[in-house]
Amino acid sequence: MAKNRKNQAAAIRFGPALKASFICLLIGGSAVGYVWQKSQIDRLGQQIRLRETKLAQLQSDNKQLGDQISILHSPVMLDQRAKELNLGLAPATPMQIVRLTETPVAPENSSRQFAQRPATELTP
């Protein structure tokens, strides 16, 4: 006699449905993870491009300011600026220049003696 479906166990009836739903959830979760990962890669790429642009701008500004500092430190510019501000600065006269000579220091006669290599003659 054939068995009736009503008499079958509940686990046997829901087994294939559970397997199918698990596979669907696995595929759906993988798809959502893939899309999320791609959006993160795109967002990080945009941040990198933005920061590279900012770095290039800062390097350009740094070079421009360095050039400006070198111009402002030049003797011609300093002289011109001193004249503009009426500071009364002028080059030093020869009478204002004092030259100091350095005398060599004589070695001290200390009690320390260092080892000295004996002189060796080279014989052919």
N, C-alpha and C. Protein backbone atom coordinates (compact mmCIF):
# COMPACT_ATOMS: atom_id res chain seq x y z
N MET A 1 0.83 -1.15 0.00
CA MET A 1 0.00 0.00 0.00
C MET A 1 0.89 1.24 0.00
N ALA A 2 0.56 2.23 -0.82
CA ALA A 2 1.35 3.44 -0.94
C ALA A 2 1.11 4.34 0.26
N LYS A 3 2.17 4.94 0.67
CA LYS A 3 2.05 5.79 1.84
C LYS A 3 1.51 7.15 1.42
N ASN A 4 0.82 7.74 2.29
CA ASN A 4 0.23 9.04 2.04
C ASN A 4 1.23 10.13 2.45
N ARG A 5 1.20 11.24 1.74
CA ARG A 5 2.14 12.33 2.07
C ARG A 5 1.85 12.91 3.44
N LYS A 6 0.67 12.83 3.87
CA LYS A 6 0.34 13.38 5.18
C LYS A 6 1.01 12.61 6.29
N ASN A 7 1.36 11.39 6.03
CA ASN A 7 1.97 10.58 7.06
C ASN A 7 3.49 10.73 7.10
N GLN A 8 4.10 11.41 6.10
CA GLN A 8 5.56 11.57 6.08
C GLN A 8 6.00 12.53 7.17
N ALA A 9 7.22 12.37 7.61
CA ALA A 9 7.77 13.22 8.67
C ALA A 9 7.96 14.65 8.14
N ALA A 10 7.88 15.61 9.03
CA ALA A 10 8.01 17.03 8.66
C ALA A 10 9.41 17.34 8.16
N ALA A 11 10.43 16.67 8.67
CA ALA A 11 11.81 16.93 8.27
C ALA A 11 12.02 16.53 6.82
N ILE A 12 11.36 15.51 6.38
CA ILE A 12 11.52 15.06 5.01
C ILE A 12 10.84 16.04 4.06
N ARG A 13 9.70 16.62 4.46
CA ARG A 13 8.99 17.57 3.61
C ARG A 13 9.73 18.91 3.51
N PHE A 14 10.35 19.39 4.60
CA PHE A 14 10.98 20.71 4.60
C PHE A 14 12.46 20.68 4.25
N GLY A 15 13.07 19.54 4.14
CA GLY A 15 14.49 19.42 3.83
C GLY A 15 14.89 20.09 2.54
N PRO A 16 14.26 19.77 1.40
CA PRO A 16 14.64 20.43 0.15
C PRO A 16 14.37 21.93 0.16
N ALA A 17 13.31 22.32 0.82
CA ALA A 17 13.00 23.76 0.89
C ALA A 17 14.06 24.49 1.70
N LEU A 18 14.51 23.89 2.78
CA LEU A 18 15.56 24.51 3.59
C LEU A 18 16.88 24.59 2.81
N LYS A 19 17.21 23.55 2.07
CA LYS A 19 18.42 23.57 1.26
C LYS A 19 18.36 24.67 0.20
N ALA A 20 17.23 24.79 -0.46
CA ALA A 20 17.07 25.81 -1.50
C ALA A 20 17.16 27.22 -0.91
N SER A 21 16.51 27.42 0.25
CA SER A 21 16.57 28.75 0.87
C SER A 21 17.99 29.06 1.35
N PHE A 22 18.71 28.07 1.86
CA PHE A 22 20.10 28.29 2.29
C PHE A 22 20.98 28.67 1.10
N ILE A 23 20.83 27.99 -0.01
CA ILE A 23 21.61 28.31 -1.22
C ILE A 23 21.28 29.71 -1.71
N CYS A 24 19.98 30.08 -1.68
CA CYS A 24 19.59 31.42 -2.11
C CYS A 24 20.19 32.49 -1.19
N LEU A 25 20.17 32.24 0.12
CA LEU A 25 20.77 33.18 1.06
C LEU A 25 22.28 33.29 0.86
N LEU A 26 22.93 32.19 0.57
CA LEU A 26 24.36 32.19 0.34
C LEU A 26 24.71 33.00 -0.91
N ILE A 27 23.97 32.77 -1.98
CA ILE A 27 24.22 33.51 -3.22
C ILE A 27 23.88 34.99 -3.03
N GLY A 28 22.76 35.29 -2.38
CA GLY A 28 22.37 36.68 -2.13
C GLY A 28 23.37 37.40 -1.24
N GLY A 29 23.84 36.72 -0.20
CA GLY A 29 24.84 37.32 0.69
C GLY A 29 26.16 37.58 -0.02
N SER A 30 26.54 36.65 -0.88
CA SER A 30 27.77 36.86 -1.66
C SER A 30 27.62 38.04 -2.59
N ALA A 31 26.46 38.20 -3.19
CA ALA A 31 26.22 39.32 -4.11
C ALA A 31 26.27 40.65 -3.36
N VAL A 32 25.63 40.69 -2.20
CA VAL A 32 25.65 41.91 -1.39
C VAL A 32 27.07 42.23 -0.95
N GLY A 33 27.83 41.22 -0.54
CA GLY A 33 29.22 41.42 -0.14
C GLY A 33 30.07 41.93 -1.29
N TYR A 34 29.84 41.40 -2.48
CA TYR A 34 30.60 41.84 -3.66
C TYR A 34 30.31 43.30 -3.97
N VAL A 35 29.04 43.69 -3.94
CA VAL A 35 28.67 45.08 -4.22
C VAL A 35 29.25 46.01 -3.16
N TRP A 36 29.18 45.60 -1.89
CA TRP A 36 29.73 46.43 -0.81
C TRP A 36 31.24 46.61 -0.99
N GLN A 37 31.93 45.51 -1.34
CA GLN A 37 33.38 45.56 -1.53
C GLN A 37 33.74 46.48 -2.69
N LYS A 38 32.99 46.41 -3.79
CA LYS A 38 33.26 47.29 -4.93
C LYS A 38 33.01 48.75 -4.58
N SER A 39 32.00 49.02 -3.78
CA SER A 39 31.74 50.42 -3.39
C SER A 39 32.84 50.93 -2.47
N GLN A 40 33.37 50.07 -1.60
CA GLN A 40 34.50 50.47 -0.74
C GLN A 40 35.74 50.77 -1.57
N ILE A 41 36.00 49.93 -2.57
CA ILE A 41 37.16 50.16 -3.45
C ILE A 41 37.01 51.49 -4.18
N ASP A 42 35.80 51.77 -4.66
CA ASP A 42 35.56 53.04 -5.37
C ASP A 42 35.74 54.23 -4.43
N ARG A 43 35.21 54.12 -3.21
CA ARG A 43 35.34 55.22 -2.24
C ARG A 43 36.80 55.46 -1.86
N LEU A 44 37.56 54.38 -1.65
CA LEU A 44 38.98 54.53 -1.32
C LEU A 44 39.76 55.11 -2.49
N GLY A 45 39.39 54.74 -3.71
CA GLY A 45 40.04 55.31 -4.89
C GLY A 45 39.80 56.81 -4.99
N GLN A 46 38.59 57.24 -4.66
CA GLN A 46 38.29 58.67 -4.67
C GLN A 46 39.09 59.40 -3.61
N GLN A 47 39.23 58.80 -2.42
CA GLN A 47 40.03 59.43 -1.36
C GLN A 47 41.49 59.54 -1.77
N ILE A 48 42.01 58.52 -2.44
CA ILE A 48 43.41 58.55 -2.88
C ILE A 48 43.60 59.66 -3.90
N ARG A 49 42.69 59.76 -4.87
CA ARG A 49 42.81 60.82 -5.89
C ARG A 49 42.73 62.20 -5.25
N LEU A 50 41.83 62.37 -4.29
CA LEU A 50 41.68 63.66 -3.61
C LEU A 50 42.96 64.01 -2.85
N ARG A 51 43.53 63.04 -2.16
CA ARG A 51 44.74 63.31 -1.39
C ARG A 51 45.96 63.52 -2.27
N GLU A 52 46.01 62.84 -3.42
CA GLU A 52 47.11 63.08 -4.35
C GLU A 52 47.02 64.49 -4.92
N THR A 53 45.80 64.94 -5.22
CA THR A 53 45.61 66.31 -5.71
C THR A 53 46.03 67.32 -4.65
N LYS A 54 45.64 67.05 -3.40
CA LYS A 54 46.01 67.96 -2.31
C LYS A 54 47.52 67.98 -2.10
N LEU A 55 48.16 66.81 -2.21
CA LEU A 55 49.61 66.72 -2.06
C LEU A 55 50.31 67.52 -3.15
N ALA A 56 49.84 67.39 -4.39
CA ALA A 56 50.44 68.15 -5.49
C ALA A 56 50.28 69.65 -5.26
N GLN A 57 49.11 70.07 -4.77
CA GLN A 57 48.88 71.49 -4.49
C GLN A 57 49.80 71.98 -3.38
N LEU A 58 49.96 71.18 -2.32
CA LEU A 58 50.84 71.58 -1.22
C LEU A 58 52.31 71.64 -1.66
N GLN A 59 52.73 70.70 -2.51
CA GLN A 59 54.10 70.74 -3.02
C GLN A 59 54.32 71.98 -3.88
N SER A 60 53.32 72.34 -4.67
CA SER A 60 53.42 73.54 -5.50
C SER A 60 53.51 74.79 -4.62
N ASP A 61 52.66 74.85 -3.60
CA ASP A 61 52.70 75.99 -2.68
C ASP A 61 54.04 76.06 -1.95
N ASN A 62 54.56 74.90 -1.54
CA ASN A 62 55.84 74.85 -0.84
C ASN A 62 56.97 75.36 -1.72
N LYS A 63 56.98 74.97 -2.98
CA LYS A 63 58.01 75.44 -3.91
C LYS A 63 57.90 76.94 -4.12
N GLN A 64 56.66 77.42 -4.28
CA GLN A 64 56.44 78.85 -4.49
C GLN A 64 56.91 79.65 -3.27
N LEU A 65 56.59 79.17 -2.08
CA LEU A 65 57.02 79.89 -0.87
C LEU A 65 58.53 79.81 -0.67
N GLY A 66 59.14 78.69 -1.03
CA GLY A 66 60.60 78.59 -0.96
C GLY A 66 61.28 79.57 -1.90
N ASP A 67 60.73 79.71 -3.10
CA ASP A 67 61.27 80.69 -4.05
C ASP A 67 61.12 82.10 -3.51
N GLN A 68 59.98 82.37 -2.88
CA GLN A 68 59.74 83.70 -2.33
C GLN A 68 60.72 83.99 -1.18
N ILE A 69 61.00 83.00 -0.36
CA ILE A 69 61.95 83.18 0.75
C ILE A 69 63.35 83.46 0.20
N SER A 70 63.74 82.72 -0.84
CA SER A 70 65.08 82.94 -1.39
C SER A 70 65.19 84.34 -2.00
N ILE A 71 64.12 84.84 -2.59
CA ILE A 71 64.14 86.21 -3.13
C ILE A 71 64.24 87.21 -2.00
N LEU A 72 63.47 87.00 -0.93
CA LEU A 72 63.47 87.95 0.19
C LEU A 72 64.78 87.94 0.96
N HIS A 73 65.52 86.83 0.93
CA HIS A 73 66.81 86.75 1.63
C HIS A 73 67.97 87.25 0.78
N SER A 74 67.73 87.58 -0.46
CA SER A 74 68.83 88.04 -1.32
C SER A 74 69.34 89.40 -0.84
N PRO A 75 70.64 89.64 -0.96
CA PRO A 75 71.22 90.92 -0.49
C PRO A 75 70.60 92.14 -1.18
N VAL A 76 70.27 92.01 -2.44
CA VAL A 76 69.67 93.14 -3.16
C VAL A 76 68.33 93.50 -2.54
N MET A 77 67.51 92.48 -2.28
CA MET A 77 66.19 92.73 -1.72
C MET A 77 66.29 93.27 -0.30
N LEU A 78 67.24 92.74 0.50
CA LEU A 78 67.42 93.24 1.86
C LEU A 78 67.85 94.70 1.85
N ASP A 79 68.74 95.06 0.95
CA ASP A 79 69.20 96.45 0.84
C ASP A 79 68.04 97.36 0.43
N GLN A 80 67.26 96.91 -0.53
CA GLN A 80 66.11 97.70 -0.99
C GLN A 80 65.10 97.88 0.14
N ARG A 81 64.85 96.83 0.89
CA ARG A 81 63.88 96.91 1.99
C ARG A 81 64.39 97.83 3.10
N ALA A 82 65.69 97.81 3.37
CA ALA A 82 66.26 98.70 4.39
C ALA A 82 66.13 100.16 3.97
N LYS A 83 66.29 100.41 2.66
CA LYS A 83 66.12 101.79 2.17
C LYS A 83 64.66 102.22 2.24
N GLU A 84 63.73 101.32 1.96
CA GLU A 84 62.30 101.65 2.03
C GLU A 84 61.88 102.02 3.45
N LEU A 85 62.42 101.33 4.43
CA LEU A 85 62.03 101.56 5.81
C LEU A 85 62.85 102.65 6.48
N ASN A 86 63.78 103.26 5.75
CA ASN A 86 64.62 104.33 6.28
C ASN A 86 65.28 103.92 7.60
N LEU A 87 65.95 102.81 7.57
CA LEU A 87 66.61 102.30 8.77
C LEU A 87 67.99 102.91 8.97
N GLY A 88 68.52 103.55 7.97
CA GLY A 88 69.83 104.17 8.10
C GLY A 88 70.96 103.15 8.13
N LEU A 89 70.77 102.02 7.51
CA LEU A 89 71.80 101.00 7.48
C LEU A 89 72.72 101.24 6.29
N ALA A 90 74.00 100.96 6.48
CA ALA A 90 74.98 101.13 5.41
C ALA A 90 76.05 100.06 5.60
N PRO A 91 76.80 99.80 4.54
CA PRO A 91 77.89 98.83 4.70
C PRO A 91 78.92 99.33 5.71
N ALA A 92 79.60 98.42 6.35
CA ALA A 92 80.59 98.77 7.36
C ALA A 92 81.81 99.42 6.70
N THR A 93 82.35 100.42 7.38
CA THR A 93 83.57 101.07 6.89
C THR A 93 84.77 100.24 7.31
N PRO A 94 85.90 100.42 6.63
CA PRO A 94 87.08 99.63 7.02
C PRO A 94 87.51 99.87 8.46
N MET A 95 87.21 101.02 9.03
CA MET A 95 87.58 101.30 10.41
C MET A 95 86.71 100.50 11.39
N GLN A 96 85.53 100.09 10.96
CA GLN A 96 84.62 99.36 11.84
C GLN A 96 84.91 97.85 11.83
N ILE A 97 85.71 97.41 10.91
CA ILE A 97 85.99 95.98 10.79
C ILE A 97 87.21 95.65 11.63
N VAL A 98 87.07 94.66 12.49
CA VAL A 98 88.16 94.20 13.33
C VAL A 98 88.50 92.78 12.91
N ARG A 99 89.74 92.56 12.54
CA ARG A 99 90.17 91.23 12.11
C ARG A 99 90.94 90.57 13.25
N LEU A 100 90.59 89.38 13.56
CA LEU A 100 91.24 88.63 14.62
C LEU A 100 92.05 87.51 13.99
N THR A 101 93.25 87.36 14.48
CA THR A 101 94.08 86.27 13.98
C THR A 101 94.11 85.19 15.05
N GLU A 102 94.10 83.98 14.59
CA GLU A 102 94.11 82.87 15.53
C GLU A 102 95.53 82.34 15.63
N THR A 103 96.03 82.30 16.85
CA THR A 103 97.38 81.79 17.06
C THR A 103 97.29 80.30 17.31
N PRO A 104 98.23 79.56 16.77
CA PRO A 104 98.17 78.11 16.99
C PRO A 104 98.46 77.79 18.45
N VAL A 105 97.76 76.83 18.94
CA VAL A 105 97.90 76.43 20.33
C VAL A 105 99.08 75.46 20.44
N ALA A 106 99.99 75.74 21.37
CA ALA A 106 101.14 74.86 21.59
C ALA A 106 100.67 73.62 22.33
N PRO A 107 101.21 72.46 21.94
CA PRO A 107 100.79 71.24 22.64
C PRO A 107 101.25 71.27 24.09
N GLU A 108 100.43 70.77 24.94
CA GLU A 108 100.76 70.75 26.37
C GLU A 108 101.79 69.66 26.64
N ASN A 109 102.62 69.91 27.61
CA ASN A 109 103.58 68.89 28.05
C ASN A 109 102.87 68.06 29.11
N SER A 110 102.15 67.11 28.67
CA SER A 110 101.40 66.29 29.62
C SER A 110 102.18 65.02 29.92
N SER A 111 101.81 64.38 30.97
CA SER A 111 102.49 63.16 31.36
C SER A 111 101.99 61.96 30.56
N ARG A 112 101.00 62.15 29.72
CA ARG A 112 100.50 61.05 28.93
C ARG A 112 101.40 60.81 27.75
N GLN A 113 101.70 59.59 27.54
CA GLN A 113 102.49 59.23 26.38
C GLN A 113 101.72 58.15 25.63
N PHE A 114 101.75 58.27 24.35
CA PHE A 114 101.06 57.32 23.53
C PHE A 114 102.06 56.36 22.91
N ALA A 115 101.63 55.19 22.64
CA ALA A 115 102.52 54.20 22.03
C ALA A 115 102.90 54.66 20.64
N GLN A 116 104.16 54.39 20.30
CA GLN A 116 104.65 54.79 19.00
C GLN A 116 105.20 53.55 18.33
N ARG A 117 104.91 53.41 17.07
CA ARG A 117 105.43 52.27 16.33
C ARG A 117 106.90 52.47 16.05
N PRO A 118 107.66 51.44 16.18
CA PRO A 118 109.09 51.58 15.84
C PRO A 118 109.23 51.71 14.33
N ALA A 119 110.17 52.53 13.95
CA ALA A 119 110.42 52.75 12.52
C ALA A 119 111.02 51.48 11.93
N THR A 120 110.50 51.03 10.85
CA THR A 120 111.04 49.84 10.18
C THR A 120 111.56 50.26 8.82
N GLU A 121 112.67 49.67 8.50
CA GLU A 121 113.27 49.97 7.19
C GLU A 121 112.81 48.92 6.20
N LEU A 122 112.55 49.38 5.03
CA LEU A 122 112.16 48.47 3.97
C LEU A 122 113.39 47.99 3.23
N THR A 123 113.57 46.72 3.21
CA THR A 123 114.71 46.17 2.49
C THR A 123 114.21 45.44 1.27
N PRO A 124 114.90 45.67 0.15
CA PRO A 124 114.44 45.01 -1.06
C PRO A 124 114.80 43.56 -1.13
